[in-house]
Protein backbone atom coordinates (compact mmCIF):
# COMPACT_ATOMS: atom_id res chain seq x y z
CA MET A 1 -11.73 173.22 3.83
CA SER A 2 -12.71 176.03 6.14
CA GLU A 3 -11.56 176.28 9.71
CA THR A 4 -15.10 175.88 11.08
CA ALA A 5 -15.59 172.66 9.12
CA GLU A 6 -12.35 171.28 10.58
CA LYS A 7 -13.49 172.11 14.13
CA GLN A 8 -16.73 170.20 13.62
CA GLN A 9 -14.98 166.96 12.62
CA PRO A 10 -13.94 164.74 15.53
CA LEU A 11 -10.38 163.62 16.00
CA THR A 12 -9.82 160.35 14.14
CA ARG A 13 -7.32 157.53 14.48
CA ALA A 14 -5.65 158.84 11.32
CA ASP A 15 -5.27 162.25 13.00
CA ILE A 16 -3.75 160.62 16.07
CA GLY A 17 -1.38 158.64 13.84
CA SER A 18 -0.37 161.87 12.11
CA ILE A 19 0.23 163.55 15.48
CA VAL A 20 2.44 160.67 16.63
CA GLN A 21 4.40 160.74 13.36
CA ALA A 22 4.86 164.50 13.60
CA ILE A 23 6.16 164.25 17.17
CA GLN A 24 8.55 161.45 16.18
CA SER A 25 9.74 163.49 13.21
CA ILE A 26 10.31 166.56 15.40
CA ASN A 27 12.27 164.49 17.92
CA ARG A 28 14.34 162.89 15.15
CA LEU A 29 15.10 166.22 13.47
CA ALA A 30 15.86 167.98 16.75
CA SER A 31 18.33 165.29 17.82
CA LYS A 32 20.28 165.16 14.56
CA ALA A 33 23.92 166.11 14.96
CA ILE A 34 24.35 167.05 11.31
CA LYS A 35 21.53 169.09 9.82
CA GLU A 36 20.55 168.67 6.20
CA LYS A 37 19.33 171.38 3.87
CA ASN A 38 15.58 170.76 4.31
CA ASP A 39 15.59 169.82 8.01
CA ASP A 40 14.66 173.29 9.27
CA ALA A 41 11.77 173.57 6.80
CA GLU A 42 10.49 170.10 7.72
CA LEU A 43 10.81 170.89 11.43
CA SER A 44 8.88 174.12 10.96
CA GLY A 45 6.20 172.38 8.91
CA GLN A 46 5.77 169.62 11.51
CA ARG A 47 5.48 172.18 14.29
CA GLN A 48 2.89 174.17 12.33
CA PHE A 49 0.93 170.97 11.64
CA LEU A 50 0.95 170.05 15.33
CA ALA A 51 -0.06 173.54 16.39
CA ARG A 52 -2.94 173.57 13.88
CA ILE A 53 -4.32 170.12 14.69
CA LEU A 54 -3.88 170.44 18.45
CA CYS A 55 -5.52 173.86 18.52
CA THR A 56 -8.33 172.61 16.28
CA HIS A 57 -9.04 169.69 18.60
CA ALA A 58 -7.99 171.25 21.92
CA GLY A 59 -11.46 171.02 23.46
CA GLU A 60 -11.82 167.40 22.43
CA LEU A 61 -8.37 166.51 23.81
CA ILE A 62 -9.08 168.25 27.12
CA GLN A 63 -12.43 166.46 27.42
CA ALA A 64 -10.74 163.12 26.74
CA TRP A 65 -8.12 163.88 29.39
CA MET A 66 -10.79 164.80 31.94
CA ILE A 67 -12.75 161.63 31.20
CA ILE A 68 -9.62 159.57 31.73
CA ALA A 69 -8.79 161.42 34.93
CA ASP A 70 -12.34 161.15 36.28
CA GLU A 71 -13.23 157.64 35.15
CA TYR A 72 -10.06 155.59 34.96
CA GLN A 73 -7.76 157.14 37.56
CA PRO A 74 -9.89 155.85 40.48
CA LEU A 75 -9.95 152.42 38.85
CA VAL A 76 -6.17 152.40 38.43
CA SER A 77 -5.72 153.64 42.01
CA ALA A 78 -8.01 150.90 43.32
CA PHE A 79 -6.13 148.26 41.35
CA ALA A 80 -2.78 149.56 42.64
CA SER A 81 -4.13 149.48 46.20
CA LEU A 82 -5.42 145.93 45.72
CA THR A 83 -2.10 144.65 44.36
CA SER A 84 -0.23 146.42 47.16
CA ARG A 85 -2.44 144.73 49.77
CA ALA A 86 -2.02 141.35 48.08
CA ALA A 87 1.76 141.78 48.09
CA ALA A 88 1.69 142.73 51.80
CA VAL A 89 -0.43 139.67 52.66
CA THR A 90 1.92 137.42 50.66
CA GLN A 91 4.97 138.86 52.39
CA ALA A 92 3.39 138.45 55.84
CA ARG A 93 2.40 134.87 55.04
CA ASN A 94 5.89 134.03 53.78
CA ALA A 95 7.40 135.56 56.93
CA GLN A 96 5.09 133.46 59.13
CA ILE A 97 5.96 130.29 57.23
CA ALA A 98 9.68 131.04 57.55
CA ALA A 99 9.29 131.67 61.30
CA ILE A 100 7.37 128.41 61.78
CA GLU A 101 9.98 126.46 59.82
CA ALA A 102 12.79 128.05 61.86
CA ALA A 103 11.01 127.24 65.12
CA GLN A 104 10.44 123.64 64.04
CA ALA A 105 14.09 123.26 63.08
CA GLN A 106 15.15 124.41 66.56
CA VAL A 107 12.70 122.10 68.37
CA GLN A 108 13.56 118.92 66.42
CA PRO A 109 16.38 116.93 68.08
CA ALA A 110 19.46 116.33 65.99
CA ASN A 111 19.30 112.51 66.34
CA VAL A 112 15.69 112.19 65.07
CA VAL A 113 14.99 111.91 61.39
CA GLU A 114 11.81 113.54 60.04
CA SER A 115 10.04 110.17 59.90
CA GLY A 116 10.25 109.98 63.70
CA ILE A 117 12.73 107.09 63.84
CA ARG A 118 15.80 107.60 65.99
CA LYS A 119 19.22 107.37 64.44
CA GLU A 120 21.42 104.75 66.08
């Protein structure tokens, strides 16, 4: 297959799976304490594969990244802001409830039960 034909084909799920496998293989081979005979060749082959496929689809990957940054980052930021506000409201409400309960405990006489009947 020619290089121009490869550039015209969009990145597929199979390509993404191959990229993930290649990265995992590179990490596994790079972290091995004891190298085997074919490890360097496999490492080189995986790196060449990644370089080829990433360069072939670089424009597509950059476009995908920009779409994510432009479209989804504001959504994620808004959601983070919303959850932060909800947490602040919950904390403020819990603090108010605790303050009210503490004030009620100080006001209530020691010889009166909650039902309002005096202890004898």
